[in-house]
């Protein structure tokens, strides 16, 4: 067919790349792998740098806060024949040496420098413990009659009992957090941190407050002294002790004194304990804590057991009887509350016809036991399936319970010259 004028035919060509050689393929794979590794490293660095900033801004914390606080329990000391024998042998063997020492002491003339050296060691212990004392500020926000905002603050002493990762735990009085809209905690160096209520105990009027330590420098962390929990069962009459916190009504004040008297088997709510009476000053509501010569916490001043017979003396709750409750408070758990004051029925009483168990001296008004129907004078013989014949068994069973549990309690109630067995369902609450 003849071509028309103006028609053009162009050659259509397709450029095809030459296939890559093995060396080029290997180079391409290595380049891709290198870029992937480089991207991963950059992403990891960016994540590591931005994570602390994001956590600080969002208020998030490390998972290490989930660690459970464990406080070992103390056993009351036992006094047996061996102890008495040891004391007798000691007196026999050391009597001549004692006479020599007494004679030399009588000859020695004490001067002011000697007394100052004796108290220098006490001052050092108290100064070290003071680094673990904090000021807990409870802030309440209200408005006056004219709708003007007003802010009320209260100051109470607290004592640092644990550091768990970035969390610090402070034992303080319940008055320090009562009706507080917010809490601030001032460290010994003046640094102010935001505090949060970990848990409270309205029965003993104590509380544990949590603070975030992540914003502190390493030097500040190192200076924070955690006060070790001592064994108050080893405290004896005549022991020298120190009061820290707020013994003079001013936070970071200090006082020295002796244990004047030890009262054992004091009836407390849901147990028994020891109360010390000491010559130190003690402002209970402001927070006054007792430490021994090793700087260990052995108790705190309370108004619950103050008595006219101990005029001028401060009453102190021993720490050993409280460690089970304190462990719960430190982990944010409400300690179990049964709600009685009791004493175990003695052998002489059982021989006279009383059932063995826990005699209810007082069923605390509006407490779980009271609400269930348990009355003063009842004798608790079993909690659940466990028989209870003494206060230690009773306390162990209560410690196994949690707030919200419902437990069957068997009691013996004195009727017309005969005891009748009754059962009550007690719903455990938090203290």
Protein backbone atom coordinates (compact mmCIF):
# COMPACT_ATOMS: atom_id res chain seq x y z
CA UNK A 1 0.00 0.00 0.00
CA UNK A 2 1.57 3.28 -0.94
CA UNK A 3 2.49 5.65 1.83
CA UNK A 4 0.57 8.83 2.07
CA UNK A 5 2.33 12.13 2.21
CA UNK A 6 3.11 13.16 5.79
CA UNK A 7 2.90 9.67 7.30
CA UNK A 8 5.93 8.77 9.41
CA UNK A 9 6.85 5.46 11.02
CA UNK A 10 9.17 5.61 14.12
CA UNK A 11 11.15 2.73 15.40
CA UNK A 12 9.83 1.69 18.87
CA UNK A 13 12.60 0.50 21.16
CA UNK A 14 12.57 -0.69 24.83
CA UNK A 15 15.68 -0.21 26.89
CA UNK A 16 16.36 -3.31 28.99
CA UNK A 17 18.82 -3.16 31.85
CA UNK A 18 21.52 -5.68 31.92
CA UNK A 19 21.04 -8.33 34.65
CA UNK A 20 22.96 -7.61 37.87
CA UNK A 21 26.05 -9.58 38.49
CA UNK A 22 26.49 -11.62 41.64
CA UNK A 23 28.76 -8.96 43.08
CA UNK A 24 26.12 -6.27 42.55
CA UNK A 25 23.44 -8.47 44.15
CA UNK A 26 25.63 -9.09 47.20
CA UNK A 27 26.43 -5.39 47.46
CA UNK A 28 22.69 -4.54 47.32
CA UNK A 29 21.90 -7.05 50.07
CA UNK A 30 24.70 -5.74 52.31
CA UNK A 31 23.54 -2.14 51.78
CA UNK A 32 19.95 -3.03 52.70
CA UNK A 33 21.07 -4.90 55.82
CA UNK A 34 23.31 -1.99 56.87
CA UNK A 35 20.46 0.52 56.46
CA UNK A 36 18.16 -1.71 58.51
CA UNK A 37 20.71 -1.98 61.31
CA UNK A 38 21.36 1.76 61.24
CA UNK A 39 17.62 2.48 61.46
CA UNK A 40 17.28 0.06 64.41
CA UNK A 41 20.15 1.70 66.29
CA UNK A 42 18.79 5.20 65.72
CA UNK A 43 15.29 4.11 66.78
CA UNK A 44 16.67 2.46 69.92
CA UNK A 45 18.66 5.55 70.89
CA UNK A 46 15.66 7.81 70.31
CA UNK A 47 13.45 5.52 72.40
CA UNK A 48 15.98 5.36 75.24
CA UNK A 49 16.33 9.13 75.29
CA UNK A 50 12.63 9.95 75.00
CA UNK A 51 11.30 7.27 77.39
CA UNK A 52 12.41 8.95 80.67
CA UNK A 53 11.12 12.32 79.42
CA UNK A 54 7.77 10.85 78.43
CA UNK A 55 7.45 8.98 81.77
CA UNK A 56 8.24 12.15 83.67
CA UNK A 57 5.66 14.12 81.70
CA UNK A 58 2.96 11.46 81.86
CA UNK A 59 3.63 10.50 85.47
CA UNK A 60 4.50 6.89 84.63
CA UNK A 61 6.89 4.80 86.73
CA UNK A 62 9.01 1.75 86.30
CA UNK A 63 7.50 -1.65 86.93
CA UNK A 64 9.95 -2.12 89.79
CA UNK A 65 7.40 -0.36 91.98
CA UNK A 66 5.40 -3.57 91.90
CA UNK A 67 7.96 -5.21 94.15
CA UNK A 68 6.37 -6.33 97.37
CA UNK A 69 7.74 -5.01 100.65
CA UNK A 70 8.53 -7.84 103.05
CA UNK A 71 9.11 -7.12 106.74
CA UNK A 72 10.49 -10.04 108.78
CA UNK A 73 8.57 -10.67 112.00
CA UNK A 74 10.20 -10.79 115.44
CA UNK A 75 9.70 -13.45 118.07
CA UNK A 76 9.34 -12.46 121.73
CA UNK A 77 12.37 -13.41 123.80
CA UNK A 78 12.14 -16.52 125.91
CA UNK A 79 13.42 -16.70 129.46
CA UNK A 80 14.24 -20.21 130.58
CA UNK A 81 16.54 -22.16 132.85
CA UNK A 82 19.47 -21.70 130.51
CA UNK A 83 19.22 -17.93 130.70
CA UNK A 84 18.94 -18.00 134.47
CA UNK A 85 21.87 -20.39 134.72
CA UNK A 86 23.98 -18.21 132.45
CA UNK A 87 23.20 -15.15 134.56
CA UNK A 88 24.09 -16.98 137.76
CA UNK A 89 27.35 -18.29 136.32
CA UNK A 90 28.19 -14.85 135.02
CA UNK A 91 27.64 -13.29 138.44
CA UNK A 92 29.81 -15.91 140.12
CA UNK A 93 32.69 -15.61 137.70
CA UNK A 94 32.69 -11.84 137.23
CA UNK A 95 32.20 -10.75 140.83
CA UNK A 96 35.90 -10.10 141.54
CA UNK A 97 36.29 -8.25 138.22
CA UNK A 98 33.17 -6.22 138.99
CA UNK A 99 34.64 -5.14 142.28
CA UNK A 100 37.82 -4.00 140.56
CA UNK A 101 35.93 -2.02 137.93
CA UNK A 102 33.67 -0.44 140.54
CA UNK A 103 36.67 0.57 142.58
CA UNK A 104 38.40 2.18 139.60
CA UNK A 105 35.24 4.05 138.61
CA UNK A 106 34.94 5.40 142.15
CA UNK A 107 38.48 6.73 141.95
CA UNK A 108 38.04 8.41 138.57
CA UNK A 109 36.99 12.07 138.48
CA UNK A 110 34.67 12.85 135.57
CA UNK A 111 35.06 16.16 133.79
CA UNK A 112 32.93 18.01 131.26
CA UNK A 113 35.00 16.64 128.38
CA UNK A 114 34.19 13.06 129.44
CA UNK A 115 30.48 13.72 129.42
CA UNK A 116 30.76 15.43 126.04
CA UNK A 117 32.59 12.40 124.61
CA UNK A 118 29.84 10.11 125.90
CA UNK A 119 27.14 12.19 124.23
CA UNK A 120 29.14 12.62 121.02
CA UNK A 121 28.27 9.09 119.97
CA UNK A 122 24.59 9.70 120.72
CA UNK A 123 24.62 12.91 118.73
CA UNK A 124 26.16 11.09 115.76
CA UNK A 125 23.44 8.43 115.79
CA UNK A 126 20.71 11.05 116.11
CA UNK A 127 22.23 13.15 113.29
CA UNK A 128 22.35 10.13 110.98
CA UNK A 129 18.74 9.25 111.79
CA UNK A 130 17.66 12.84 111.17
CA UNK A 131 18.56 12.40 107.48
CA UNK A 132 15.68 9.93 107.34
CA UNK A 133 13.22 12.34 108.98
CA UNK A 134 10.90 14.25 106.64
CA UNK A 135 8.22 16.87 107.06
CA UNK A 136 4.78 15.84 105.79
CA UNK A 137 2.62 18.83 104.80
CA UNK A 138 -1.11 18.17 104.55
CA UNK A 139 -2.83 20.80 102.40
CA UNK A 140 -6.55 21.51 102.60
CA UNK A 141 -8.22 23.87 100.13
CA UNK A 142 -11.45 25.60 101.13
CA UNK A 143 -13.35 28.83 100.53
CA UNK A 144 -14.42 31.43 103.06
CA UNK A 145 -17.85 33.06 103.40
CA UNK A 146 -17.04 35.35 100.52
CA UNK A 147 -15.95 32.51 98.20
CA UNK A 148 -12.31 33.50 98.52
CA UNK A 149 -10.00 30.45 98.26
CA UNK A 150 -8.05 29.68 101.43
CA UNK A 151 -5.40 27.05 101.96
CA UNK A 152 -4.70 25.36 105.30
CA UNK A 153 -1.51 23.41 105.89
CA UNK A 154 -0.38 21.15 108.70
CA UNK A 155 3.10 19.84 109.41
CA UNK A 156 3.93 16.44 110.85
CA UNK A 157 7.10 14.42 111.09
CA UNK A 158 7.55 11.23 109.09
CA UNK A 159 10.31 8.62 108.99
CA UNK A 160 11.69 6.93 105.86
CA UNK A 161 11.38 3.15 106.31
CA UNK A 162 12.06 1.84 102.78
CA UNK A 163 13.30 2.70 99.30
CA UNK A 164 11.93 0.46 96.54
CA UNK A 165 13.42 1.55 93.23
CA UNK A 166 12.09 5.07 92.64
CA UNK A 167 9.57 4.84 95.48
CA UNK A 168 10.22 5.96 99.04
CA UNK A 169 7.94 4.86 101.87
CA UNK A 170 7.34 7.09 104.87
CA UNK A 171 5.71 6.11 108.15
CA UNK A 172 3.80 8.99 109.71
CA UNK A 173 0.76 9.70 111.86
CA UNK A 174 -2.72 9.47 110.40
CA UNK A 175 -3.26 13.11 111.43
CA UNK A 176 -0.70 14.06 108.76
CA UNK A 177 -2.99 12.91 105.93
CA UNK A 178 -6.43 13.29 107.47
CA UNK A 179 -8.76 15.24 105.17
CA UNK A 180 -5.81 16.38 103.05
CA UNK A 181 -6.52 17.48 99.47
CA UNK A 182 -2.85 17.08 98.60
CA UNK A 183 0.37 16.12 100.39
CA UNK A 184 3.86 17.55 100.12
CA UNK A 185 6.93 15.97 101.68
CA UNK A 186 9.99 18.05 102.54
CA UNK A 187 13.25 16.13 102.83
CA UNK A 188 15.98 16.98 105.32
CA UNK A 189 17.82 19.06 102.67
CA UNK A 190 14.69 21.12 101.95
CA UNK A 191 13.71 19.39 98.70
CA UNK A 192 9.92 19.22 98.39
CA UNK A 193 8.28 16.23 96.68
CA UNK A 194 4.66 15.36 96.02
CA UNK A 195 3.35 12.65 98.33
CA UNK A 196 0.55 10.11 97.93
CA UNK A 197 -1.23 8.06 100.58
CA UNK A 198 -0.13 4.45 100.25
CA UNK A 199 -2.45 3.19 102.99
CA UNK A 200 -3.77 4.28 106.38
CA UNK A 201 -4.59 2.58 109.68
CA UNK A 202 -7.35 4.41 111.53
CA UNK A 203 -7.16 1.96 114.45
CA UNK A 204 -3.55 2.76 115.35
CA UNK A 205 -3.68 6.29 113.85
CA UNK A 206 -0.72 5.63 111.55
CA UNK A 207 -0.23 5.85 107.78
CA UNK A 208 2.32 5.18 105.06
CA UNK A 209 2.98 7.89 102.45
CA UNK A 210 4.71 7.25 99.13
CA UNK A 211 7.09 9.67 97.37
CA UNK A 212 8.65 9.51 93.90
CA UNK A 213 12.47 9.63 94.06
CA UNK A 214 13.08 9.59 90.29
CA UNK A 215 13.62 13.36 90.16
CA UNK A 216 16.41 13.32 92.76
CA UNK A 217 20.08 13.33 91.92
CA UNK A 218 22.30 10.45 93.01
CA UNK A 219 23.87 12.56 95.77
CA UNK A 220 20.44 13.32 97.23
CA UNK A 221 19.47 9.65 97.08
CA UNK A 222 22.65 8.64 98.89
CA UNK A 223 22.03 11.14 101.69
CA UNK A 224 18.51 9.82 102.30
CA UNK A 225 18.82 7.51 105.29
CA UNK A 226 16.44 4.57 105.49
CA UNK A 227 15.75 3.89 109.16
CA UNK A 228 16.07 0.19 109.87
CA UNK A 229 13.25 -1.46 111.80
CA UNK A 230 14.52 -2.77 115.14
CA UNK A 231 13.31 -5.48 117.51
CA UNK A 232 11.25 -3.88 120.27
CA UNK A 233 10.98 -7.23 122.07
CA UNK A 234 14.61 -6.77 123.12
CA UNK A 235 13.96 -3.38 124.78
CA UNK A 236 14.48 -3.52 128.53
CA UNK A 237 13.79 -1.20 131.42
CA UNK A 238 16.68 1.22 131.84
CA UNK A 239 17.74 1.18 128.15
CA UNK A 240 18.97 4.49 126.78
CA UNK A 241 16.89 5.68 123.80
CA UNK A 242 16.62 8.69 121.51
CA UNK A 243 13.51 10.46 120.23
CA UNK A 244 13.60 11.88 116.70
CA UNK A 245 11.00 13.49 114.50
CA UNK A 246 9.11 16.03 116.57
CA UNK A 247 9.67 15.33 120.30
CA UNK A 248 9.72 19.06 121.10
CA UNK A 249 6.78 19.83 118.81
CA UNK A 250 9.25 21.03 116.15
CA UNK A 251 10.25 18.77 113.25
CA UNK A 252 13.93 17.69 113.31
CA UNK A 253 14.16 18.11 117.08
CA UNK A 254 15.87 15.45 119.23
CA UNK A 255 15.63 14.21 122.80
CA UNK A 256 17.38 11.59 124.94
CA UNK A 257 16.00 9.47 127.75
CA UNK A 258 15.61 5.99 129.21
CA UNK A 259 12.95 3.32 129.16
CA UNK A 260 11.35 3.74 132.57
CA UNK A 261 8.87 0.87 132.43
CA UNK A 262 7.80 -1.93 130.06
CA UNK A 263 4.20 -3.19 130.08
CA UNK A 264 3.70 -6.57 128.40
CA UNK A 265 0.50 -8.18 127.14
CA UNK A 266 -1.38 -4.92 126.74
CA UNK A 267 -4.82 -5.52 125.24
CA UNK A 268 -4.92 -3.91 121.81
CA UNK A 269 -7.45 -4.13 119.02
CA UNK A 270 -7.17 -7.62 117.50
CA UNK A 271 -4.12 -8.56 119.51
CA UNK A 272 -1.78 -7.88 122.38
CA UNK A 273 1.41 -5.85 122.47
CA UNK A 274 3.98 -4.02 124.53
CA UNK A 275 3.90 -0.44 125.63
CA UNK A 276 6.99 1.40 126.86
CA UNK A 277 6.97 4.39 129.14
CA UNK A 278 9.92 6.70 128.71
CA UNK A 279 11.21 9.98 130.09
CA UNK A 280 11.67 11.57 126.64
CA UNK A 281 9.36 14.30 125.44
CA UNK A 282 6.86 13.15 122.88
CA UNK A 283 4.40 15.01 120.68
CA UNK A 284 2.23 12.10 119.50
CA UNK A 285 0.12 13.79 116.83
CA UNK A 286 3.11 15.63 115.33
CA UNK A 287 5.09 12.37 115.04
CA UNK A 288 7.74 11.29 117.56
CA UNK A 289 9.75 8.15 116.86
CA UNK A 290 11.99 6.22 119.24
CA UNK A 291 15.32 4.75 118.09
CA UNK A 292 17.86 2.66 119.96
CA UNK A 293 21.60 3.24 120.16
CA UNK A 294 22.05 1.45 116.81
CA UNK A 295 19.77 3.95 115.10
CA UNK A 296 16.96 1.39 114.63
CA UNK A 297 13.29 2.29 114.94
CA UNK A 298 11.76 0.58 117.99
CA UNK A 299 8.45 2.45 118.32
CA UNK A 300 6.58 5.73 118.30
CA UNK A 301 4.86 7.91 120.88
CA UNK A 302 1.10 7.48 121.23
CA UNK A 303 -1.65 9.05 123.28
CA UNK A 304 -3.76 5.88 123.28
CA UNK A 305 -2.05 4.39 126.36
CA UNK A 306 -1.17 7.54 128.29
CA UNK A 307 -2.12 7.18 131.96
CA UNK A 308 -2.29 9.45 134.96
CA UNK A 309 -0.15 6.92 136.80
CA UNK A 310 2.70 7.59 134.40
CA UNK A 311 2.51 11.38 134.77
CA UNK A 312 5.22 13.06 132.74
CA UNK A 313 6.02 9.87 130.83
CA UNK A 314 5.51 9.28 127.10
CA UNK A 315 3.77 6.05 126.07
CA UNK A 316 5.41 4.24 123.15
CA UNK A 317 4.01 1.49 120.90
CA UNK A 318 6.63 -1.18 120.11
CA UNK A 319 7.41 -1.76 116.42
CA UNK A 320 7.62 -5.57 116.65
CA UNK A 321 3.91 -5.97 117.45
CA UNK A 322 3.05 -3.80 114.44
CA UNK A 323 5.22 -5.31 111.70
CA UNK A 324 2.46 -7.44 110.16
CA UNK A 325 0.21 -4.38 109.85
CA UNK A 326 3.09 -2.22 108.61
CA UNK A 327 3.87 -4.73 105.86
CA UNK A 328 0.31 -4.45 104.59
CA UNK A 329 0.39 -0.64 104.75
CA UNK A 330 3.68 -0.53 102.84
CA UNK A 331 2.18 -2.63 100.04
CA UNK A 332 -0.97 -0.52 99.81
CA UNK A 333 -3.12 -3.25 101.36
CA UNK A 334 -5.74 -2.48 104.01
CA UNK A 335 -4.82 -4.51 107.13
CA UNK A 336 -7.60 -6.88 108.27
CA UNK A 337 -9.87 -5.55 111.03
CA UNK A 338 -11.87 -7.95 113.23
CA UNK A 339 -12.71 -5.51 116.02
CA UNK A 340 -12.23 -6.94 119.51
CA UNK A 341 -10.01 -6.49 122.52
CA UNK A 342 -9.48 -9.84 124.18
CA UNK A 343 -7.40 -12.04 126.41
CA UNK A 344 -6.85 -15.77 126.43
CA UNK A 345 -8.65 -17.87 129.01
CA UNK A 346 -6.10 -19.06 131.57
CA UNK A 347 -5.56 -22.64 132.67
CA UNK A 348 -7.05 -21.86 136.07
CA UNK A 349 -10.19 -20.51 134.41
CA UNK A 350 -10.59 -23.55 132.17
CA UNK A 351 -10.21 -25.80 135.21
CA UNK A 352 -13.03 -23.80 136.81
CA UNK A 353 -15.31 -24.58 133.88
CA UNK A 354 -14.72 -21.83 131.31
CA UNK A 355 -14.18 -22.90 127.68
CA UNK A 356 -10.68 -22.49 126.27
CA UNK A 357 -10.40 -19.62 123.83
CA UNK A 358 -10.27 -15.83 123.60
CA UNK A 359 -12.39 -13.95 126.11
CA UNK A 360 -13.89 -10.84 124.48
CA UNK A 361 -13.15 -7.98 126.87
CA UNK A 362 -14.59 -5.46 124.41
CA UNK A 363 -16.36 -5.84 121.12
CA UNK A 364 -15.44 -2.50 119.55
CA UNK A 365 -18.54 -0.46 118.69
CA UNK A 366 -19.41 -0.57 114.99
CA UNK A 367 -16.55 -3.01 114.35
CA UNK A 368 -17.00 -6.12 112.19
CA UNK A 369 -17.36 -8.45 115.20
CA UNK A 370 -19.83 -6.07 116.87
CA UNK A 371 -21.90 -5.79 113.69
CA UNK A 372 -21.99 -9.58 113.38
CA UNK A 373 -23.41 -9.96 116.90
CA UNK A 374 -20.37 -10.87 119.01
CA UNK A 375 -20.71 -9.39 122.50
CA UNK A 376 -18.55 -8.57 125.49
CA UNK A 377 -18.05 -11.74 127.54
CA UNK A 378 -18.23 -14.13 124.58
CA UNK A 379 -15.40 -16.65 124.26
CA UNK A 380 -14.10 -17.15 120.71
CA UNK A 381 -13.08 -20.78 120.23
CA UNK A 382 -12.59 -21.02 116.45
CA UNK A 383 -12.12 -18.83 113.40
CA UNK A 384 -13.15 -20.74 110.32
CA UNK A 385 -11.90 -24.30 110.75
CA UNK A 386 -8.98 -23.26 113.01
CA UNK A 387 -9.27 -23.59 116.79
CA UNK A 388 -7.90 -20.63 118.76
CA UNK A 389 -6.84 -21.04 122.38
CA UNK A 390 -4.37 -18.16 122.80
CA UNK A 391 -3.77 -14.67 121.41
CA UNK A 392 -0.93 -15.75 119.12
CA UNK A 393 -3.19 -18.27 117.36
CA UNK A 394 -5.92 -15.64 117.16
CA UNK A 395 -3.58 -13.04 115.64
CA UNK A 396 -2.19 -15.57 113.13
CA UNK A 397 -5.70 -16.34 111.89
CA UNK A 398 -6.60 -12.66 111.57
CA UNK A 399 -3.39 -12.01 109.61
CA UNK A 400 -4.45 -14.64 107.06
CA UNK A 401 -7.66 -12.74 106.28
CA UNK A 402 -8.21 -9.81 103.94
CA UNK A 403 -10.66 -6.95 103.80
CA UNK A 404 -13.95 -8.21 102.36
CA UNK A 405 -13.53 -11.80 103.53
CA UNK A 406 -16.47 -13.43 105.30
CA UNK A 407 -15.44 -15.89 108.01
CA UNK A 408 -17.40 -18.18 110.33
CA UNK A 409 -16.57 -17.51 113.99
CA UNK A 410 -17.51 -19.98 116.72
CA UNK A 411 -18.10 -18.57 120.20
CA UNK A 412 -19.24 -19.86 123.57
CA UNK A 413 -21.77 -17.58 125.29
CA UNK A 414 -22.56 -17.88 128.99
CA UNK A 415 -26.25 -18.47 129.57
CA UNK A 416 -28.13 -19.76 132.60
CA UNK A 417 -25.16 -21.47 134.26
CA UNK A 418 -24.19 -23.11 130.98
CA UNK A 419 -22.24 -22.06 127.90
CA UNK A 420 -24.02 -22.24 124.56
CA UNK A 421 -22.15 -22.59 121.27
CA UNK A 422 -23.05 -19.96 118.66
CA UNK A 423 -21.75 -19.18 115.19
CA UNK A 424 -21.48 -15.78 113.57
CA UNK A 425 -20.46 -14.68 110.09
CA UNK A 426 -18.01 -11.80 110.39
CA UNK A 427 -17.21 -9.66 107.35
CA UNK A 428 -13.64 -8.45 107.71
CA UNK A 429 -12.99 -4.77 106.98
CA UNK A 430 -9.85 -2.69 106.60
CA UNK A 431 -8.44 -0.97 109.65
